[in-house]
Amino acid sequence: MPGLGKTTLAYSAYTEKSVVGHFDIRAWCIVDQERNEKNLLQKIFNEVIGLKERVSEDDIDGDIADKLRRQLFGKRYLIVLDDLWDTATWDELTRPFPTEFQKWSRIILTNRKKEVALHGKCHSDPLDI
């Protein structure tokens, strides 16, 4: 359901001083209903490297998933995927994330559909708001 504070709660955790100090890399990506995984991966990559400007469709790199994986490898990262709508997008967006250091890294997922939350469950149960 919209408007219950999911994004606000995730943002509060994302900006908490102890969280900021714990992770080497933090990235916030608003997913909405965008189904272009390459664009979304580019948005995450831009957040990871600190690039704030929009990238045109022509400038999106075909190897963006590999570049993202290399940027995250060996680092503690916190990625927030805000307002994710479907499981297929979750699968595509999380494929590049390194698995070797998962115990130190986290992905926070906010969404409106319980099936998406359950599909994205890895290390903890979904928080039903």
C-alpha atoms as a PDB file:
ATOM      1  CA  MET A   1       0.000   0.000   0.000  1.00  0.00           C
ATOM      2  CA  PRO A   2       1.235   3.478  -0.777  1.00  0.00           C
ATOM      3  CA  GLY A   3       1.781   6.097   1.888  1.00  0.00           C
ATOM      4  CA  LEU A   4       2.506   3.882   4.894  1.00  0.00           C
ATOM      5  CA  GLY A   5       6.076   5.078   5.447  1.00  0.00           C
ATOM      6  CA  LYS A   6       8.110   2.306   3.792  1.00  0.00           C
ATOM      7  CA  THR A   7      10.419   4.726   2.001  1.00  0.00           C
ATOM      8  CA  THR A   8      10.689   6.962   5.069  1.00  0.00           C
ATOM      9  CA  LEU A   9      11.668   4.006   7.250  1.00  0.00           C
ATOM     10  CA  ALA A  10      14.256   2.808   4.718  1.00  0.00           C
ATOM     11  CA  TYR A  11      15.647   6.341   4.378  1.00  0.00           C
ATOM     12  CA  SER A  12      15.911   6.677   8.136  1.00  0.00           C
ATOM     13  CA  ALA A  13      18.011   3.516   8.284  1.00  0.00           C
ATOM     14  CA  TYR A  14      20.032   4.572   5.213  1.00  0.00           C
ATOM     15  CA  THR A  15      21.014   7.925   6.751  1.00  0.00           C
ATOM     16  CA  GLU A  16      21.579   6.692  10.330  1.00  0.00           C
ATOM     17  CA  LYS A  17      25.085   7.721  11.427  1.00  0.00           C
ATOM     18  CA  SER A  18      26.123   4.222  12.494  1.00  0.00           C
ATOM     19  CA  VAL A  19      24.914   2.811   9.164  1.00  0.00           C
ATOM     20  CA  VAL A  20      26.762   5.463   7.160  1.00  0.00           C
ATOM     21  CA  GLY A  21      29.978   4.623   9.014  1.00  0.00           C
ATOM     22  CA  HIS A  22      29.546   0.867   8.658  1.00  0.00           C
ATOM     23  CA  PHE A  23      29.318   0.644   4.861  1.00  0.00           C
ATOM     24  CA  ASP A  24      32.011   1.522   2.325  1.00  0.00           C
ATOM     25  CA  ILE A  25      29.400   2.172  -0.354  1.00  0.00           C
ATOM     26  CA  ARG A  26      25.773   3.232  -0.114  1.00  0.00           C
ATOM     27  CA  ALA A  27      23.399   3.700  -3.035  1.00  0.00           C
ATOM     28  CA  TRP A  28      19.729   4.631  -3.252  1.00  0.00           C
ATOM     29  CA  CYS A  29      17.793   3.773  -6.414  1.00  0.00           C
ATOM     30  CA  ILE A  30      14.135   4.627  -6.988  1.00  0.00           C
ATOM     31  CA  VAL A  31      12.806   1.847  -9.182  1.00  0.00           C
ATOM     32  CA  ASP A  32       9.102   2.753  -9.595  1.00  0.00           C
ATOM     33  CA  GLN A  33       7.599   0.923 -12.553  1.00  0.00           C
ATOM     34  CA  GLU A  34      10.632   1.310 -14.799  1.00  0.00           C
ATOM     35  CA  ARG A  35      11.238  -2.008 -16.533  1.00  0.00           C
ATOM     36  CA  ASN A  36      14.529  -1.138 -18.218  1.00  0.00           C
ATOM     37  CA  GLU A  37      17.017  -3.060 -16.098  1.00  0.00           C
ATOM     38  CA  LYS A  38      20.002  -1.557 -17.923  1.00  0.00           C
ATOM     39  CA  ASN A  39      18.830   1.971 -17.017  1.00  0.00           C
ATOM     40  CA  LEU A  40      18.281   0.911 -13.412  1.00  0.00           C
ATOM     41  CA  LEU A  41      21.718  -0.725 -13.178  1.00  0.00           C
ATOM     42  CA  GLN A  42      23.197   2.476 -14.584  1.00  0.00           C
ATOM     43  CA  LYS A  43      21.361   4.493 -11.906  1.00  0.00           C
ATOM     44  CA  ILE A  44      22.762   2.210  -9.187  1.00  0.00           C
ATOM     45  CA  PHE A  45      26.264   2.396 -10.692  1.00  0.00           C
ATOM     46  CA  ASN A  46      26.090   6.204 -10.841  1.00  0.00           C
ATOM     47  CA  GLU A  47      25.126   6.291  -7.151  1.00  0.00           C
ATOM     48  CA  VAL A  48      27.962   3.911  -6.282  1.00  0.00           C
ATOM     49  CA  ILE A  49      30.594   6.041  -8.024  1.00  0.00           C
ATOM     50  CA  GLY A  50      29.025   9.325  -6.894  1.00  0.00           C
ATOM     51  CA  LEU A  51      27.891  10.532 -10.321  1.00  0.00           C
ATOM     52  CA  LYS A  52      24.782  12.667  -9.864  1.00  0.00           C
ATOM     53  CA  GLU A  53      24.061  13.698 -13.461  1.00  0.00           C
ATOM     54  CA  ARG A  54      21.596  11.832 -15.652  1.00  0.00           C
ATOM     55  CA  VAL A  55      23.068   9.582 -18.296  1.00  0.00           C
ATOM     56  CA  SER A  56      21.421   9.507 -21.707  1.00  0.00           C
ATOM     57  CA  GLU A  57      20.244   6.225 -23.225  1.00  0.00           C
ATOM     58  CA  ASP A  58      23.121   6.373 -25.737  1.00  0.00           C
ATOM     59  CA  ASP A  59      25.742   6.631 -22.987  1.00  0.00           C
ATOM     60  CA  ILE A  60      24.647   3.550 -21.070  1.00  0.00           C
ATOM     61  CA  ASP A  61      27.401   0.992 -21.108  1.00  0.00           C
ATOM     62  CA  GLY A  62      26.578  -2.556 -22.191  1.00  0.00           C
ATOM     63  CA  ASP A  63      28.952  -3.909 -19.543  1.00  0.00           C
ATOM     64  CA  ILE A  64      27.361  -1.950 -16.713  1.00  0.00           C
ATOM     65  CA  ALA A  65      26.620  -5.099 -14.669  1.00  0.00           C
ATOM     66  CA  ASP A  66      30.297  -6.113 -14.732  1.00  0.00           C
ATOM     67  CA  LYS A  67      31.431  -2.593 -13.878  1.00  0.00           C
ATOM     68  CA  LEU A  68      29.021  -2.508 -10.946  1.00  0.00           C
ATOM     69  CA  ARG A  69      30.229  -5.901  -9.711  1.00  0.00           C
ATOM     70  CA  ARG A  70      33.865  -4.725  -9.842  1.00  0.00           C
ATOM     71  CA  GLN A  71      33.023  -1.531  -7.925  1.00  0.00           C
ATOM     72  CA  LEU A  72      31.292  -3.490  -5.156  1.00  0.00           C
ATOM     73  CA  PHE A  73      33.660  -6.455  -4.930  1.00  0.00           C
ATOM     74  CA  GLY A  74      35.412  -6.674  -1.576  1.00  0.00           C
ATOM     75  CA  LYS A  75      33.496  -3.748  -0.087  1.00  0.00           C
ATOM     76  CA  ARG A  76      30.655  -3.500   2.400  1.00  0.00           C
ATOM     77  CA  TYR A  77      27.727  -2.033   0.539  1.00  0.00           C
ATOM     78  CA  LEU A  78      24.187  -0.976   1.304  1.00  0.00           C
ATOM     79  CA  ILE A  79      21.895  -0.716  -1.707  1.00  0.00           C
ATOM     80  CA  VAL A  80      18.299   0.499  -1.355  1.00  0.00           C
ATOM     81  CA  LEU A  81      15.896  -0.447  -4.143  1.00  0.00           C
ATOM     82  CA  ASP A  82      12.910   1.764  -3.440  1.00  0.00           C
ATOM     83  CA  ASP A  83       9.460   0.883  -4.786  1.00  0.00           C
ATOM     84  CA  LEU A  84      10.332  -2.281  -6.688  1.00  0.00           C
ATOM     85  CA  TRP A  85       7.269  -3.670  -8.447  1.00  0.00           C
ATOM     86  CA  ASP A  86       8.102  -7.141  -9.711  1.00  0.00           C
ATOM     87  CA  THR A  87      10.265 -10.192  -9.126  1.00  0.00           C
ATOM     88  CA  ALA A  88      11.838 -10.204 -12.608  1.00  0.00           C
ATOM     89  CA  THR A  89      13.316  -6.746 -12.026  1.00  0.00           C
ATOM     90  CA  TRP A  90      14.613  -7.876  -8.610  1.00  0.00           C
ATOM     91  CA  ASP A  91      16.367 -10.839 -10.241  1.00  0.00           C
ATOM     92  CA  GLU A  92      17.956  -8.665 -12.931  1.00  0.00           C
ATOM     93  CA  LEU A  93      19.062  -5.919 -10.549  1.00  0.00           C
ATOM     94  CA  THR A  94      20.619  -8.212  -7.959  1.00  0.00           C
ATOM     95  CA  ARG A  95      22.477 -10.474 -10.394  1.00  0.00           C
ATOM     96  CA  PRO A  96      25.581  -8.217 -10.523  1.00  0.00           C
ATOM     97  CA  PHE A  97      25.979  -7.965  -6.745  1.00  0.00           C
ATOM     98  CA  PRO A  98      28.977  -9.956  -5.497  1.00  0.00           C
ATOM     99  CA  THR A  99      28.098 -12.921  -3.309  1.00  0.00           C
ATOM    100  CA  GLU A 100      31.559 -13.399  -1.796  1.00  0.00           C
ATOM    101  CA  PHE A 101      31.076 -10.724   0.854  1.00  0.00           C
ATOM    102  CA  GLN A 102      27.319 -10.901   1.424  1.00  0.00           C
ATOM    103  CA  LYS A 103      27.655 -11.214   5.181  1.00  0.00           C
ATOM    104  CA  TRP A 104      28.889  -7.624   5.329  1.00  0.00           C
ATOM    105  CA  SER A 105      26.592  -6.125   2.717  1.00  0.00           C
ATOM    106  CA  ARG A 106      22.863  -5.485   2.599  1.00  0.00           C
ATOM    107  CA  ILE A 107      20.148  -4.728   0.086  1.00  0.00           C
ATOM    108  CA  ILE A 108      16.993  -3.034   1.355  1.00  0.00           C
ATOM    109  CA  LEU A 109      13.928  -3.478  -0.805  1.00  0.00           C
ATOM    110  CA  THR A 110      10.746  -1.436  -0.470  1.00  0.00           C
ATOM    111  CA  ASN A 111       7.654  -2.458  -2.394  1.00  0.00           C
ATOM    112  CA  ARG A 112       3.887  -2.724  -2.299  1.00  0.00           C
ATOM    113  CA  LYS A 113       3.535  -6.407  -3.122  1.00  0.00           C
ATOM    114  CA  LYS A 114       4.083  -9.169  -0.597  1.00  0.00           C
ATOM    115  CA  GLU A 115       5.101 -11.635  -3.334  1.00  0.00           C
ATOM    116  CA  VAL A 116       8.009  -9.359  -4.308  1.00  0.00           C
ATOM    117  CA  ALA A 117       9.112  -9.035  -0.687  1.00  0.00           C
ATOM    118  CA  LEU A 118       9.018 -12.792  -0.194  1.00  0.00           C
ATOM    119  CA  HIS A 119      10.897 -13.359  -3.453  1.00  0.00           C
ATOM    120  CA  GLY A 120      13.595 -10.919  -2.355  1.00  0.00           C
ATOM    121  CA  LYS A 121      13.971 -12.538   1.067  1.00  0.00           C
ATOM    122  CA  CYS A 122      17.543 -13.635   1.687  1.00  0.00           C
ATOM    123  CA  HIS A 123      18.663 -13.223   5.278  1.00  0.00           C
ATOM    124  CA  SER A 124      15.646 -11.842   7.076  1.00  0.00           C
ATOM    125  CA  ASP A 125      11.895 -11.940   6.907  1.00  0.00           C
ATOM    126  CA  PRO A 126      10.076  -9.101   5.148  1.00  0.00           C
ATOM    127  CA  LEU A 127       8.734  -6.331   7.365  1.00  0.00           C
ATOM    128  CA  ASP A 128       5.029  -6.124   6.600  1.00  0.00           C
ATOM    129  CA  ILE A 129       3.942  -2.470   6.751  1.00  0.00           C
END
